[in-house]
Amino acid sequence: MCQAVAEMREIERQEGRQEADRRTARNMLKRGEPLETIAEVLELPVETIKAWEEEACATV
């Protein structure tokens, strides 16, 4: 049971981190920062930032 709770907390932590990274990327994109810079700051692949940018454009 304790292992299951620990795994759930880890998943929640990862999801929270991803949402924070998405918000940061979105704000940096609004400021005109290059994708490469955003990827470097967030320590993520450029492809991830591109996908998030495309998602944001599709929902607007």
C-alpha atoms as a PDB file:
ATOM      1  CA  MET A   1       0.000   0.000   0.000  1.00  0.00           C
ATOM      2  CA  CYS A   2       2.778   2.433   0.883  1.00  0.00           C
ATOM      3  CA  GLN A   3       4.470   1.733  -2.457  1.00  0.00           C
ATOM      4  CA  ALA A   4       1.255   2.552  -4.333  1.00  0.00           C
ATOM      5  CA  VAL A   5       0.885   5.839  -2.461  1.00  0.00           C
ATOM      6  CA  ALA A   6       4.510   6.740  -3.168  1.00  0.00           C
ATOM      7  CA  GLU A   7       4.040   5.988  -6.864  1.00  0.00           C
ATOM      8  CA  MET A   8       0.873   8.119  -7.003  1.00  0.00           C
ATOM      9  CA  ARG A   9       2.706  11.026  -5.369  1.00  0.00           C
ATOM     10  CA  GLU A  10       5.554  10.704  -7.858  1.00  0.00           C
ATOM     11  CA  ILE A  11       3.122  10.761 -10.789  1.00  0.00           C
ATOM     12  CA  GLU A  12       1.397  13.837  -9.351  1.00  0.00           C
ATOM     13  CA  ARG A  13       4.771  15.528  -8.859  1.00  0.00           C
ATOM     14  CA  GLN A  14       5.758  14.813 -12.455  1.00  0.00           C
ATOM     15  CA  GLU A  15       2.432  16.102 -13.773  1.00  0.00           C
ATOM     16  CA  GLY A  16       2.800  19.265 -11.705  1.00  0.00           C
ATOM     17  CA  ARG A  17       6.302  19.806 -13.030  1.00  0.00           C
ATOM     18  CA  GLN A  18       5.143  19.315 -16.607  1.00  0.00           C
ATOM     19  CA  GLU A  19       2.327  21.845 -16.171  1.00  0.00           C
ATOM     20  CA  ALA A  20       4.776  24.365 -14.697  1.00  0.00           C
ATOM     21  CA  ASP A  21       7.147  23.778 -17.630  1.00  0.00           C
ATOM     22  CA  ARG A  22       4.272  24.282 -20.096  1.00  0.00           C
ATOM     23  CA  ARG A  23       3.332  27.579 -18.442  1.00  0.00           C
ATOM     24  CA  THR A  24       6.927  28.763 -18.528  1.00  0.00           C
ATOM     25  CA  ALA A  25       7.293  27.759 -22.179  1.00  0.00           C
ATOM     26  CA  ARG A  26       4.034  29.517 -23.084  1.00  0.00           C
ATOM     27  CA  ASN A  27       5.182  32.719 -21.349  1.00  0.00           C
ATOM     28  CA  MET A  28       8.581  32.596 -23.014  1.00  0.00           C
ATOM     29  CA  LEU A  29       6.961  32.038 -26.420  1.00  0.00           C
ATOM     30  CA  LYS A  30       4.748  35.094 -25.845  1.00  0.00           C
ATOM     31  CA  ARG A  31       7.912  37.113 -25.225  1.00  0.00           C
ATOM     32  CA  GLY A  32       9.381  35.928 -28.497  1.00  0.00           C
ATOM     33  CA  GLU A  33      12.067  33.642 -27.093  1.00  0.00           C
ATOM     34  CA  PRO A  34      13.461  31.115 -29.596  1.00  0.00           C
ATOM     35  CA  LEU A  35      12.421  27.486 -29.179  1.00  0.00           C
ATOM     36  CA  GLU A  36      16.037  26.466 -28.631  1.00  0.00           C
ATOM     37  CA  THR A  37      16.407  28.890 -25.725  1.00  0.00           C
ATOM     38  CA  ILE A  38      13.206  27.659 -24.090  1.00  0.00           C
ATOM     39  CA  ALA A  39      14.311  24.049 -24.493  1.00  0.00           C
ATOM     40  CA  GLU A  40      17.689  24.843 -22.966  1.00  0.00           C
ATOM     41  CA  VAL A  41      16.199  26.686 -19.987  1.00  0.00           C
ATOM     42  CA  LEU A  42      13.665  23.933 -19.274  1.00  0.00           C
ATOM     43  CA  GLU A  43      16.157  21.161 -20.087  1.00  0.00           C
ATOM     44  CA  LEU A  44      13.720  19.580 -22.537  1.00  0.00           C
ATOM     45  CA  PRO A  45      13.976  18.556 -26.190  1.00  0.00           C
ATOM     46  CA  VAL A  46      13.107  21.229 -28.754  1.00  0.00           C
ATOM     47  CA  GLU A  47      10.517  18.821 -30.158  1.00  0.00           C
ATOM     48  CA  THR A  48       8.617  18.936 -26.853  1.00  0.00           C
ATOM     49  CA  ILE A  49       8.495  22.734 -26.935  1.00  0.00           C
ATOM     50  CA  LYS A  50       7.341  22.658 -30.574  1.00  0.00           C
ATOM     51  CA  ALA A  51       4.555  20.230 -29.687  1.00  0.00           C
ATOM     52  CA  TRP A  52       3.417  22.435 -26.810  1.00  0.00           C
ATOM     53  CA  GLU A  53       3.513  25.486 -29.095  1.00  0.00           C
ATOM     54  CA  GLU A  54       1.356  23.674 -31.664  1.00  0.00           C
ATOM     55  CA  GLU A  55      -1.104  22.592 -28.958  1.00  0.00           C
ATOM     56  CA  ALA A  56      -1.381  26.159 -27.710  1.00  0.00           C
ATOM     57  CA  CYS A  57      -2.024  27.481 -31.222  1.00  0.00           C
ATOM     58  CA  ALA A  58      -4.672  24.826 -31.856  1.00  0.00           C
ATOM     59  CA  THR A  59      -6.633  25.771 -28.743  1.00  0.00           C
ATOM     60  CA  VAL A  60      -6.706  29.504 -29.511  1.00  0.00           C
END
